[in-house]
């Protein structure tokens, strides 16, 4: 369990270190982030190609893109066979 907490703390530090792509930092319960019902798949056209990305809306917050993708990968590593 400590490794997971350390990993999430490292992700938060990386996002917080460069404020340009991150509007603001917030705390989200790990139980919310690890619940697949909260993992949405979105599609958007970018430079003429359809792109797919994860999003995890939480209240008035919107976790998406690389951050949501890393959290989804963490979920898959821990909970999927």
N, C-alpha and C. Protein backbone atom coordinates (compact mmCIF):
# COMPACT_ATOMS: atom_id res chain seq x y z
N UNK A 1 0.82 -1.19 0.00
CA UNK A 1 0.00 0.00 0.00
C UNK A 1 0.87 1.26 0.00
N UNK A 2 1.98 1.24 0.69
CA UNK A 2 2.84 2.41 0.74
C UNK A 2 3.38 2.77 -0.64
N UNK A 3 3.67 1.77 -1.45
CA UNK A 3 4.19 2.03 -2.79
C UNK A 3 3.17 2.79 -3.61
N UNK A 4 1.91 2.42 -3.52
CA UNK A 4 0.85 3.09 -4.26
C UNK A 4 0.74 4.54 -3.83
N UNK A 5 0.76 4.78 -2.54
CA UNK A 5 0.68 6.15 -2.04
C UNK A 5 1.86 6.97 -2.54
N UNK A 6 3.04 6.38 -2.51
CA UNK A 6 4.23 7.09 -2.99
C UNK A 6 4.10 7.39 -4.47
N UNK A 7 3.58 6.46 -5.25
CA UNK A 7 3.42 6.67 -6.68
C UNK A 7 2.44 7.80 -6.94
N UNK A 8 1.31 7.80 -6.24
CA UNK A 8 0.34 8.87 -6.43
C UNK A 8 0.90 10.21 -5.99
N UNK A 9 1.69 10.23 -4.95
CA UNK A 9 2.32 11.47 -4.51
C UNK A 9 3.29 11.97 -5.58
N UNK A 10 4.02 11.06 -6.20
CA UNK A 10 4.95 11.45 -7.26
C UNK A 10 4.20 12.03 -8.44
N UNK A 11 3.06 11.47 -8.82
CA UNK A 11 2.27 12.00 -9.92
C UNK A 11 1.79 13.41 -9.58
N UNK A 12 1.32 13.60 -8.36
CA UNK A 12 0.84 14.91 -7.93
C UNK A 12 1.96 15.94 -7.98
N UNK A 13 3.18 15.54 -7.59
CA UNK A 13 4.30 16.47 -7.62
C UNK A 13 4.67 16.85 -9.05
N UNK A 14 4.62 15.87 -9.94
CA UNK A 14 4.94 16.16 -11.34
C UNK A 14 3.92 17.14 -11.91
N UNK A 15 2.63 16.89 -11.69
CA UNK A 15 1.60 17.79 -12.19
C UNK A 15 1.72 19.17 -11.55
N UNK A 16 2.01 19.22 -10.25
CA UNK A 16 2.09 20.48 -9.55
C UNK A 16 3.34 21.28 -9.88
N UNK A 17 4.38 20.62 -10.37
CA UNK A 17 5.64 21.30 -10.65
C UNK A 17 5.51 22.24 -11.85
N UNK A 18 4.66 21.90 -12.80
CA UNK A 18 4.47 22.72 -13.99
C UNK A 18 3.00 23.11 -14.06
N UNK A 19 2.68 24.30 -13.64
CA UNK A 19 1.28 24.73 -13.54
C UNK A 19 0.64 25.01 -14.90
N UNK A 20 1.41 25.10 -15.96
CA UNK A 20 0.83 25.42 -17.27
C UNK A 20 -0.26 24.43 -17.69
N UNK A 21 -0.03 23.10 -17.68
CA UNK A 21 -1.09 22.19 -18.13
C UNK A 21 -2.09 21.83 -17.03
N UNK A 22 -1.85 22.29 -15.81
CA UNK A 22 -2.70 21.92 -14.68
C UNK A 22 -3.36 23.18 -14.13
N UNK A 23 -4.69 23.23 -14.22
CA UNK A 23 -5.40 24.42 -13.75
C UNK A 23 -5.22 24.61 -12.25
N UNK A 24 -5.40 23.55 -11.48
CA UNK A 24 -5.15 23.59 -10.04
C UNK A 24 -5.10 22.18 -9.49
N UNK A 25 -4.52 22.04 -8.33
CA UNK A 25 -4.40 20.74 -7.69
C UNK A 25 -5.61 20.51 -6.80
N UNK A 26 -5.96 19.24 -6.62
CA UNK A 26 -7.06 18.90 -5.73
C UNK A 26 -6.83 17.50 -5.18
N UNK A 27 -7.54 17.17 -4.12
CA UNK A 27 -7.47 15.84 -3.54
C UNK A 27 -8.70 15.06 -3.96
N UNK A 28 -8.48 13.82 -4.38
CA UNK A 28 -9.56 12.94 -4.81
C UNK A 28 -9.36 11.61 -4.09
N UNK A 29 -10.40 11.05 -3.50
CA UNK A 29 -10.25 9.77 -2.80
C UNK A 29 -9.76 8.66 -3.75
N UNK A 30 -8.82 7.87 -3.27
CA UNK A 30 -8.31 6.76 -4.07
C UNK A 30 -9.44 5.80 -4.45
N UNK A 31 -10.42 5.61 -3.57
CA UNK A 31 -11.54 4.72 -3.87
C UNK A 31 -12.31 5.21 -5.10
N UNK A 32 -12.42 6.52 -5.28
CA UNK A 32 -13.08 7.07 -6.47
C UNK A 32 -12.25 6.79 -7.71
N UNK A 33 -10.95 7.05 -7.63
CA UNK A 33 -10.07 6.87 -8.78
C UNK A 33 -9.93 5.41 -9.20
N UNK A 34 -10.05 4.49 -8.26
CA UNK A 34 -9.90 3.06 -8.58
C UNK A 34 -11.24 2.38 -8.86
N UNK A 35 -12.30 3.13 -8.98
CA UNK A 35 -13.61 2.57 -9.31
C UNK A 35 -13.82 2.72 -10.82
N UNK A 36 -13.86 1.61 -11.58
CA UNK A 36 -13.96 1.70 -13.04
C UNK A 36 -15.24 2.38 -13.51
N UNK A 37 -16.25 2.46 -12.67
CA UNK A 37 -17.48 3.17 -13.05
C UNK A 37 -17.21 4.67 -13.26
N UNK A 38 -16.11 5.16 -12.70
CA UNK A 38 -15.75 6.58 -12.83
C UNK A 38 -14.78 6.84 -13.98
N UNK A 39 -14.42 5.82 -14.72
CA UNK A 39 -13.48 5.95 -15.83
C UNK A 39 -14.28 6.11 -17.12
N UNK A 40 -14.23 7.27 -17.71
CA UNK A 40 -14.94 7.52 -18.96
C UNK A 40 -13.95 7.53 -20.11
N UNK A 41 -14.40 7.04 -21.27
CA UNK A 41 -13.58 7.09 -22.47
C UNK A 41 -14.20 8.15 -23.39
N UNK A 42 -13.38 9.10 -23.80
CA UNK A 42 -13.83 10.18 -24.68
C UNK A 42 -13.08 10.11 -26.00
N UNK A 43 -13.70 10.67 -27.02
CA UNK A 43 -13.09 10.73 -28.35
C UNK A 43 -13.17 12.17 -28.84
N UNK A 44 -12.10 12.62 -29.47
CA UNK A 44 -12.08 13.98 -30.00
C UNK A 44 -11.17 14.02 -31.22
N UNK A 45 -11.58 14.79 -32.21
CA UNK A 45 -10.73 14.95 -33.38
C UNK A 45 -9.65 15.98 -33.09
N UNK A 46 -8.41 15.61 -33.42
CA UNK A 46 -7.28 16.50 -33.22
C UNK A 46 -6.34 16.35 -34.40
N UNK A 47 -6.10 17.43 -35.09
CA UNK A 47 -5.23 17.43 -36.27
C UNK A 47 -5.65 16.38 -37.30
N UNK A 48 -6.95 16.31 -37.51
CA UNK A 48 -7.48 15.42 -38.54
C UNK A 48 -7.61 13.96 -38.16
N UNK A 49 -7.28 13.60 -36.92
CA UNK A 49 -7.38 12.21 -36.49
C UNK A 49 -8.23 12.12 -35.23
N UNK A 50 -8.97 11.03 -35.08
CA UNK A 50 -9.74 10.81 -33.87
C UNK A 50 -8.80 10.31 -32.78
N UNK A 51 -8.86 10.93 -31.64
CA UNK A 51 -8.04 10.55 -30.48
C UNK A 51 -8.96 10.03 -29.38
N UNK A 52 -8.46 9.12 -28.59
CA UNK A 52 -9.21 8.56 -27.48
C UNK A 52 -8.44 8.84 -26.20
N UNK A 53 -9.17 9.24 -25.15
CA UNK A 53 -8.52 9.52 -23.87
C UNK A 53 -9.48 9.22 -22.73
N UNK A 54 -8.92 8.98 -21.56
CA UNK A 54 -9.73 8.76 -20.36
C UNK A 54 -10.02 10.08 -19.67
N UNK A 55 -11.16 10.11 -18.99
CA UNK A 55 -11.54 11.24 -18.16
C UNK A 55 -12.20 10.71 -16.90
N UNK A 56 -12.01 11.42 -15.80
CA UNK A 56 -12.61 11.04 -14.52
C UNK A 56 -13.17 12.30 -13.86
N UNK A 57 -14.39 12.73 -14.27
CA UNK A 57 -14.98 13.91 -13.64
C UNK A 57 -15.23 13.65 -12.15
N UNK A 58 -14.88 14.62 -11.33
CA UNK A 58 -15.06 14.50 -9.89
C UNK A 58 -15.61 15.83 -9.37
N UNK A 59 -16.89 15.89 -9.09
CA UNK A 59 -17.51 17.14 -8.67
C UNK A 59 -17.33 18.17 -9.77
N UNK A 60 -16.77 19.32 -9.43
CA UNK A 60 -16.51 20.35 -10.43
C UNK A 60 -15.12 20.24 -11.04
N UNK A 61 -14.42 19.16 -10.76
CA UNK A 61 -13.08 18.91 -11.30
C UNK A 61 -13.18 17.97 -12.51
N UNK A 62 -12.17 18.05 -13.37
CA UNK A 62 -12.15 17.22 -14.57
C UNK A 62 -10.73 16.69 -14.75
N UNK A 63 -10.53 15.44 -14.37
CA UNK A 63 -9.23 14.78 -14.52
C UNK A 63 -9.25 14.08 -15.87
N UNK A 64 -8.30 14.39 -16.73
CA UNK A 64 -8.35 13.81 -18.07
C UNK A 64 -6.94 13.66 -18.64
N UNK A 65 -6.88 13.13 -19.83
CA UNK A 65 -5.62 13.03 -20.55
C UNK A 65 -4.59 12.13 -19.89
N UNK A 66 -3.35 12.62 -19.82
CA UNK A 66 -2.25 11.81 -19.30
C UNK A 66 -2.47 11.42 -17.84
N UNK A 67 -2.98 12.35 -17.04
CA UNK A 67 -3.21 12.04 -15.62
C UNK A 67 -4.23 10.93 -15.47
N UNK A 68 -5.36 11.06 -16.16
CA UNK A 68 -6.40 10.01 -16.09
C UNK A 68 -5.88 8.70 -16.68
N UNK A 69 -5.07 8.79 -17.73
CA UNK A 69 -4.51 7.58 -18.33
C UNK A 69 -3.58 6.84 -17.38
N UNK A 70 -2.75 7.59 -16.64
CA UNK A 70 -1.86 6.95 -15.66
C UNK A 70 -2.65 6.31 -14.53
N UNK A 71 -3.69 6.99 -14.09
CA UNK A 71 -4.54 6.42 -13.03
C UNK A 71 -5.26 5.18 -13.51
N UNK A 72 -5.71 5.17 -14.77
CA UNK A 72 -6.35 3.99 -15.33
C UNK A 72 -5.36 2.83 -15.41
N UNK A 73 -4.13 3.11 -15.82
CA UNK A 73 -3.12 2.06 -15.88
C UNK A 73 -2.82 1.50 -14.49
N UNK A 74 -2.78 2.36 -13.48
CA UNK A 74 -2.59 1.91 -12.11
C UNK A 74 -3.73 0.99 -11.70
N UNK A 75 -4.96 1.38 -12.01
CA UNK A 75 -6.14 0.54 -11.72
C UNK A 75 -5.98 -0.83 -12.38
N UNK A 76 -5.61 -0.86 -13.66
CA UNK A 76 -5.48 -2.12 -14.39
C UNK A 76 -4.40 -3.00 -13.78
N UNK A 77 -3.29 -2.42 -13.34
CA UNK A 77 -2.19 -3.19 -12.74
C UNK A 77 -2.60 -3.82 -11.42
N UNK A 78 -3.40 -3.09 -10.65
CA UNK A 78 -3.78 -3.57 -9.32
C UNK A 78 -4.96 -4.52 -9.35
N UNK A 79 -5.99 -4.20 -10.14
CA UNK A 79 -7.26 -4.90 -10.03
C UNK A 79 -7.58 -5.89 -11.15
N UNK A 80 -6.99 -5.75 -12.31
CA UNK A 80 -7.32 -6.67 -13.41
C UNK A 80 -6.33 -7.84 -13.45
N UNK A 81 -6.81 -9.01 -13.84
CA UNK A 81 -5.92 -10.19 -13.88
C UNK A 81 -4.87 -10.07 -14.97
